[in-house]
PDB file of N, CA and C in Angstrom:
ATOM      1  N   MET A   1      30.599  18.663 -29.224  1.00  0.00           N
ATOM      2  CA  MET A   1      29.632  18.648 -28.347  1.00  0.00           C
ATOM      3  C   MET A   1      28.364  19.526 -27.956  1.00  0.00           C
ATOM      4  N   GLY A   2      27.743  20.164 -28.392  1.00  0.00           N
ATOM      5  CA  GLY A   2      26.980  20.924 -27.509  1.00  0.00           C
ATOM      6  C   GLY A   2      25.929  20.445 -25.995  1.00  0.00           C
ATOM      7  N   LYS A   3      25.641  21.067 -25.466  1.00  0.00           N
ATOM      8  CA  LYS A   3      24.779  20.736 -24.373  1.00  0.00           C
ATOM      9  C   LYS A   3      23.808  20.116 -24.425  1.00  0.00           C
ATOM     10  N   PHE A   4      23.049  20.159 -25.543  1.00  0.00           N
ATOM     11  CA  PHE A   4      21.946  19.015 -25.759  1.00  0.00           C
ATOM     12  C   PHE A   4      22.830  17.554 -26.139  1.00  0.00           C
ATOM     13  N   GLY A   5      23.767  18.231 -27.044  1.00  0.00           N
ATOM     14  CA  GLY A   5      24.407  16.356 -27.398  1.00  0.00           C
ATOM     15  C   GLY A   5      24.774  15.857 -25.893  1.00  0.00           C
ATOM     16  N   ILE A   6      25.481  17.074 -25.079  1.00  0.00           N
ATOM     17  CA  ILE A   6      26.048  16.369 -24.031  1.00  0.00           C
ATOM     18  C   ILE A   6      24.808  15.630 -22.993  1.00  0.00           C
ATOM     19  N   ALA A   7      23.828  16.176 -22.456  1.00  0.00           N
ATOM     20  CA  ALA A   7      22.708  15.729 -22.114  1.00  0.00           C
ATOM     21  C   ALA A   7      21.998  14.544 -22.437  1.00  0.00           C
ATOM     22  N   THR A   8      21.697  14.557 -23.651  1.00  0.00           N
ATOM     23  CA  THR A   8      21.208  13.306 -24.289  1.00  0.00           C
ATOM     24  C   THR A   8      22.249  12.201 -24.513  1.00  0.00           C
ATOM     25  N   LEU A   9      23.391  12.090 -24.405  1.00  0.00           N
ATOM     26  CA  LEU A   9      24.365  11.014 -24.363  1.00  0.00           C
ATOM     27  C   LEU A   9      24.620  10.612 -22.700  1.00  0.00           C
ATOM     28  N   ALA A  10      24.138  11.410 -21.669  1.00  0.00           N
ATOM     29  CA  ALA A  10      24.076  11.074 -20.313  1.00  0.00           C
ATOM     30  C   ALA A  10      22.835  10.343 -19.978  1.00  0.00           C
ATOM     31  N   ALA A  11      21.715  11.006 -20.664  1.00  0.00           N
ATOM     32  CA  ALA A  11      20.864  10.342 -20.288  1.00  0.00           C
ATOM     33  C   ALA A  11      20.493   8.905 -21.065  1.00  0.00           C
ATOM     34  N   LEU A  12      21.526   8.710 -22.086  1.00  0.00           N
ATOM     35  CA  LEU A  12      20.819   7.708 -22.459  1.00  0.00           C
ATOM     36  C   LEU A  12      21.768   6.377 -21.649  1.00  0.00           C
ATOM     37  N   LEU A  13      22.583   7.148 -21.400  1.00  0.00           N
ATOM     38  CA  LEU A  13      23.933   6.436 -20.626  1.00  0.00           C
ATOM     39  C   LEU A  13      23.110   5.855 -19.136  1.00  0.00           C
ATOM     40  N   ALA A  14      22.552   6.561 -18.604  1.00  0.00           N
ATOM     41  CA  ALA A  14      21.744   6.256 -17.250  1.00  0.00           C
ATOM     42  C   ALA A  14      20.855   5.119 -17.836  1.00  0.00           C
ATOM     43  N   LEU A  15      20.277   5.283 -18.724  1.00  0.00           N
ATOM     44  CA  LEU A  15      19.332   4.454 -18.813  1.00  0.00           C
ATOM     45  C   LEU A  15      19.367   2.981 -19.319  1.00  0.00           C
ATOM     46  N   SER A  16      20.875   2.816 -19.773  1.00  0.00           N
ATOM     47  CA  SER A  16      21.078   1.531 -20.071  1.00  0.00           C
ATOM     48  C   SER A  16      21.682   0.841 -19.394  1.00  0.00           C
ATOM     49  N   ILE A  17      22.137   1.141 -18.002  1.00  0.00           N
ATOM     50  CA  ILE A  17      22.371   0.816 -16.636  1.00  0.00           C
ATOM     51  C   ILE A  17      21.524   0.773 -16.156  1.00  0.00           C
ATOM     52  N   ALA A  18      20.438   1.309 -15.692  1.00  0.00           N
ATOM     53  CA  ALA A  18      19.307   1.621 -14.955  1.00  0.00           C
ATOM     54  C   ALA A  18      19.036  -0.309 -14.718  1.00  0.00           C
ATOM     55  N   PRO A  19      18.077  -0.379 -14.032  1.00  0.00           N
ATOM     56  CA  PRO A  19      17.922  -1.755 -13.526  1.00  0.00           C
ATOM     57  C   PRO A  19      16.497  -2.121 -14.390  1.00  0.00           C
ATOM     58  N   ILE A  20      16.279  -3.373 -14.898  1.00  0.00           N
ATOM     59  CA  ILE A  20      15.120  -4.001 -15.737  1.00  0.00           C
ATOM     60  C   ILE A  20      14.490  -4.007 -14.525  1.00  0.00           C
ATOM     61  N   ALA A  21      12.686  -3.625 -14.610  1.00  0.00           N
ATOM     62  CA  ALA A  21      11.983  -4.138 -13.601  1.00  0.00           C
ATOM     63  C   ALA A  21      11.140  -5.497 -14.339  1.00  0.00           C
ATOM     64  N   VAL A  22      11.512  -6.405 -13.026  1.00  0.00           N
ATOM     65  CA  VAL A  22      10.732  -7.831 -13.749  1.00  0.00           C
ATOM     66  C   VAL A  22       9.401  -8.202 -13.197  1.00  0.00           C
ATOM     67  N   ALA A  23       8.489  -7.015 -12.755  1.00  0.00           N
ATOM     68  CA  ALA A  23       7.247  -7.505 -11.687  1.00  0.00           C
ATOM     69  C   ALA A  23       7.021  -8.302 -12.784  1.00  0.00           C
ATOM     70  N   GLN A  24       6.214  -9.487 -12.351  1.00  0.00           N
ATOM     71  CA  GLN A  24       5.172 -10.563 -13.277  1.00  0.00           C
ATOM     72  C   GLN A  24       3.735 -10.436 -12.739  1.00  0.00           C
ATOM     73  N   THR A  25       2.729 -10.001 -13.209  1.00  0.00           N
ATOM     74  CA  THR A  25       1.417  -9.930 -12.735  1.00  0.00           C
ATOM     75  C   THR A  25       0.619 -10.668 -13.627  1.00  0.00           C
ATOM     76  N   SER A  26      -0.830 -11.077 -13.223  1.00  0.00           N
ATOM     77  CA  SER A  26      -1.617 -11.512 -14.299  1.00  0.00           C
ATOM     78  C   SER A  26      -2.744 -11.284 -13.684  1.00  0.00           C
ATOM     79  N   THR A  27      -3.806 -10.645 -14.601  1.00  0.00           N
ATOM     80  CA  THR A  27      -5.204 -10.766 -14.019  1.00  0.00           C
ATOM     81  C   THR A  27      -5.809 -12.098 -13.728  1.00  0.00           C
ATOM     82  N   ILE A  28      -6.783 -11.861 -12.684  1.00  0.00           N
ATOM     83  CA  ILE A  28      -7.270 -12.987 -12.272  1.00  0.00           C
ATOM     84  C   ILE A  28      -8.306 -13.603 -12.556  1.00  0.00           C
ATOM     85  N   ALA A  29      -9.537 -12.325 -12.406  1.00  0.00           N
ATOM     86  CA  ALA A  29     -10.142 -12.557 -12.724  1.00  0.00           C
ATOM     87  C   ALA A  29     -10.968 -10.420 -12.719  1.00  0.00           C
ATOM     88  N   SER A  30     -12.269 -10.614 -13.937  1.00  0.00           N
ATOM     89  CA  SER A  30     -12.361  -9.351 -14.365  1.00  0.00           C
ATOM     90  C   SER A  30     -13.788  -9.061 -13.733  1.00  0.00           C
ATOM     91  N   ALA A  31     -14.396  -7.626 -13.551  1.00  0.00           N
ATOM     92  CA  ALA A  31     -15.878  -7.689 -13.804  1.00  0.00           C
ATOM     93  C   ALA A  31     -16.118  -6.129 -13.348  1.00  0.00           C
ATOM     94  N   GLY A  32     -16.580  -5.683 -14.972  1.00  0.00           N
ATOM     95  CA  GLY A  32     -16.747  -4.298 -15.019  1.00  0.00           C
ATOM     96  C   GLY A  32     -15.862  -3.708 -15.139  1.00  0.00           C
ATOM     97  N   TYR A  33     -15.212  -2.409 -14.598  1.00  0.00           N
ATOM     98  CA  TYR A  33     -13.964  -1.878 -14.184  1.00  0.00           C
ATOM     99  C   TYR A  33     -12.818  -2.289 -13.746  1.00  0.00           C
ATOM    100  N   TRP A  34     -13.268  -3.574 -12.578  1.00  0.00           N
ATOM    101  CA  TRP A  34     -12.458  -3.845 -11.818  1.00  0.00           C
ATOM    102  C   TRP A  34     -11.442  -5.114 -12.053  1.00  0.00           C
ATOM    103  N   LYS A  35     -10.692  -5.309 -11.969  1.00  0.00           N
ATOM    104  CA  LYS A  35      -9.775  -6.594 -11.975  1.00  0.00           C
ATOM    105  C   LYS A  35      -8.847  -6.800 -11.026  1.00  0.00           C
ATOM    106  N   ALA A  36      -9.210  -8.334 -10.564  1.00  0.00           N
ATOM    107  CA  ALA A  36      -8.064  -9.018  -9.503  1.00  0.00           C
ATOM    108  C   ALA A  36      -6.877  -9.561 -10.451  1.00  0.00           C
ATOM    109  N   PHE A  37      -5.763  -9.130  -9.215  1.00  0.00           N
ATOM    110  CA  PHE A  37      -4.909  -9.761 -10.376  1.00  0.00           C
ATOM    111  C   PHE A  37      -3.640 -10.240  -8.844  1.00  0.00           C
ATOM    112  N   GLY A  38      -2.836 -11.030  -9.259  1.00  0.00           N
ATOM    113  CA  GLY A  38      -2.455 -11.379  -8.679  1.00  0.00           C
ATOM    114  C   GLY A  38      -0.380 -11.713  -9.604  1.00  0.00           C
ATOM    115  N   GLY A  39       0.841 -12.223  -8.447  1.00  0.00           N
ATOM    116  CA  GLY A  39       2.100 -12.339  -8.983  1.00  0.00           C
ATOM    117  C   GLY A  39       2.882 -11.986  -8.331  1.00  0.00           C
ATOM    118  N   ARG A  40       3.858 -11.638  -9.177  1.00  0.00           N
ATOM    119  CA  ARG A  40       5.174 -11.268  -7.694  1.00  0.00           C
ATOM    120  C   ARG A  40       5.626  -9.523  -8.257  1.00  0.00           C
ATOM    121  N   SER A  41       6.219  -8.822  -7.076  1.00  0.00           N
ATOM    122  CA  SER A  41       6.758  -7.410  -7.415  1.00  0.00           C
ATOM    123  C   SER A  41       7.964  -8.079  -7.949  1.00  0.00           C
ATOM    124  N   ASN A  42       8.298  -6.555  -8.019  1.00  0.00           N
ATOM    125  CA  ASN A  42      10.323  -6.383  -8.798  1.00  0.00           C
ATOM    126  C   ASN A  42      10.884  -7.358  -8.271  1.00  0.00           C
ATOM    127  N   ASP A  43      10.878  -7.187  -6.455  1.00  0.00           N
ATOM    128  CA  ASP A  43      11.843  -7.940  -5.900  1.00  0.00           C
ATOM    129  C   ASP A  43      11.522  -9.733  -5.782  1.00  0.00           C
ATOM    130  N   GLY A  44      10.118  -9.855  -6.242  1.00  0.00           N
ATOM    131  CA  GLY A  44      10.161 -11.342  -6.537  1.00  0.00           C
ATOM    132  C   GLY A  44       9.140 -11.700  -4.887  1.00  0.00           C
ATOM    133  N   THR A  45       8.358 -11.119  -4.261  1.00  0.00           N
ATOM    134  CA  THR A  45       7.876 -10.596  -2.991  1.00  0.00           C
ATOM    135  C   THR A  45       6.480 -11.036  -3.811  1.00  0.00           C
ATOM    136  N   PRO A  46       5.622 -11.973  -3.276  1.00  0.00           N
ATOM    137  CA  PRO A  46       4.035 -12.435  -3.509  1.00  0.00           C
ATOM    138  C   PRO A  46       3.351 -11.500  -3.608  1.00  0.00           C
ATOM    139  N   VAL A  47       2.727 -10.897  -4.323  1.00  0.00           N
ATOM    140  CA  VAL A  47       1.549  -9.800  -4.345  1.00  0.00           C
ATOM    141  C   VAL A  47      -0.060  -9.770  -5.223  1.00  0.00           C
ATOM    142  N   CYS A  48      -1.055  -9.536  -4.283  1.00  0.00           N
ATOM    143  CA  CYS A  48      -2.254  -9.233  -5.229  1.00  0.00           C
ATOM    144  C   CYS A  48      -3.043  -8.344  -5.260  1.00  0.00           C
ATOM    145  N   GLY A  49      -3.965  -8.066  -5.660  1.00  0.00           N
ATOM    146  CA  GLY A  49      -4.822  -6.644  -5.793  1.00  0.00           C
ATOM    147  C   GLY A  49      -5.466  -6.894  -6.167  1.00  0.00           C
ATOM    148  N   MET A  50      -5.952  -5.743  -5.998  1.00  0.00           N
ATOM    149  CA  MET A  50      -7.430  -5.206  -7.328  1.00  0.00           C
ATOM    150  C   MET A  50      -7.482  -3.982  -7.896  1.00  0.00           C
ATOM    151  N   SER A  51      -7.996  -3.212  -9.005  1.00  0.00           N
ATOM    152  CA  SER A  51      -7.723  -2.551  -9.407  1.00  0.00           C
ATOM    153  C   SER A  51      -8.969  -1.505 -10.283  1.00  0.00           C
ATOM    154  N   ALA A  52      -9.304  -0.445  -9.894  1.00  0.00           N
ATOM    155  CA  ALA A  52     -10.259  -0.063 -11.208  1.00  0.00           C
ATOM    156  C   ALA A  52      -9.621   1.061 -11.787  1.00  0.00           C
ATOM    157  N   SER A  53     -10.547   1.175 -13.145  1.00  0.00           N
ATOM    158  CA  SER A  53      -9.832   2.427 -14.026  1.00  0.00           C
ATOM    159  C   SER A  53     -11.370   2.305 -14.643  1.00  0.00           C
ATOM    160  N   GLY A  54     -11.359   3.687 -15.566  1.00  0.00           N
ATOM    161  CA  GLY A  54     -12.306   4.079 -16.170  1.00  0.00           C
ATOM    162  C   GLY A  54     -12.699   5.604 -16.066  1.00  0.00           C
ATOM    163  N   LYS A  55     -12.907   6.207 -17.483  1.00  0.00           N
ATOM    164  CA  LYS A  55     -13.576   7.713 -17.487  1.00  0.00           C
ATOM    165  C   LYS A  55     -11.715   8.162 -17.027  1.00  0.00           C
ATOM    166  N   GLY A  56     -10.730   8.188 -17.508  1.00  0.00           N
ATOM    167  CA  GLY A  56      -9.410   8.917 -16.853  1.00  0.00           C
ATOM    168  C   GLY A  56      -9.241   8.378 -15.475  1.00  0.00           C
ATOM    169  N   LEU A  57      -9.673   7.446 -14.775  1.00  0.00           N
ATOM    170  CA  LEU A  57      -9.163   7.369 -13.490  1.00  0.00           C
ATOM    171  C   LEU A  57      -8.423   6.077 -13.266  1.00  0.00           C
ATOM    172  N   PHE A  58      -7.811   6.138 -12.085  1.00  0.00           N
ATOM    173  CA  PHE A  58      -7.328   4.652 -11.669  1.00  0.00           C
ATOM    174  C   PHE A  58      -7.140   4.658 -10.031  1.00  0.00           C
ATOM    175  N   PHE A  59      -7.676   3.729  -9.494  1.00  0.00           N
ATOM    176  CA  PHE A  59      -7.972   2.888  -8.404  1.00  0.00           C
ATOM    177  C   PHE A  59      -6.585   1.682  -8.406  1.00  0.00           C
ATOM    178  N   SER A  60      -6.227   1.633  -7.244  1.00  0.00           N
ATOM    179  CA  SER A  60      -5.622   0.385  -7.042  1.00  0.00           C
ATOM    180  C   SER A  60      -5.465  -0.039  -5.718  1.00  0.00           C
ATOM    181  N   ILE A  61      -5.647  -1.271  -5.207  1.00  0.00           N
ATOM    182  CA  ILE A  61      -4.914  -1.591  -3.753  1.00  0.00           C
ATOM    183  C   ILE A  61      -4.089  -2.854  -3.748  1.00  0.00           C
ATOM    184  N   LYS A  62      -2.997  -3.176  -3.131  1.00  0.00           N
ATOM    185  CA  LYS A  62      -2.303  -4.360  -3.529  1.00  0.00           C
ATOM    186  C   LYS A  62      -2.008  -4.684  -1.750  1.00  0.00           C
ATOM    187  N   LEU A  63      -1.785  -5.884  -2.228  1.00  0.00           N
ATOM    188  CA  LEU A  63      -1.371  -6.795  -0.286  1.00  0.00           C
ATOM    189  C   LEU A  63      -0.292  -7.485  -0.511  1.00  0.00           C
ATOM    190  N   TYR A  64       1.124  -7.177  -0.435  1.00  0.00           N
ATOM    191  CA  TYR A  64       2.274  -8.162  -0.354  1.00  0.00           C
ATOM    192  C   TYR A  64       2.459  -8.889   0.516  1.00  0.00           C
ATOM    193  N   LYS A  65       2.810 -10.253   0.312  1.00  0.00           N
ATOM    194  CA  LYS A  65       3.446 -11.461   1.497  1.00  0.00           C
ATOM    195  C   LYS A  65       4.265 -10.598   2.327  1.00  0.00           C
ATOM    196  N   ASN A  66       3.752 -11.080   3.709  1.00  0.00           N
ATOM    197  CA  ASN A  66       4.509 -10.252   4.859  1.00  0.00           C
ATOM    198  C   ASN A  66       4.383  -8.828   5.339  1.00  0.00           C
ATOM    199  N   ASP A  67       3.292  -8.270   4.429  1.00  0.00           N
ATOM    200  CA  ASP A  67       3.930  -6.517   4.820  1.00  0.00           C
ATOM    201  C   ASP A  67       2.086  -6.730   5.764  1.00  0.00           C
ATOM    202  N   ASP A  68       2.137  -7.293   6.284  1.00  0.00           N
ATOM    203  CA  ASP A  68       0.718  -7.511   7.752  1.00  0.00           C
ATOM    204  C   ASP A  68       0.982  -7.348   8.824  1.00  0.00           C
ATOM    205  N   ARG A  69       2.925  -7.152   9.144  1.00  0.00           N
ATOM    206  CA  ARG A  69       3.857  -7.033  10.664  1.00  0.00           C
ATOM    207  C   ARG A  69       3.823  -6.106  11.092  1.00  0.00           C
TER     208      ARG A  69
END
């Protein structure tokens, strides 16, 4: 097995044992380029925020529960 085969095998193995992200958010409202969303982050923390995208640009702000301390 050449260097490429070993690297490919190592990458596939790393991906197979990587944790799977389970973040679940949904769009609450949208207006123009803007979207408001809410849900839970990968670790289950409640999160909400707003994002805007268009013309190849993206901007987002998020607020996590208890992150204001």
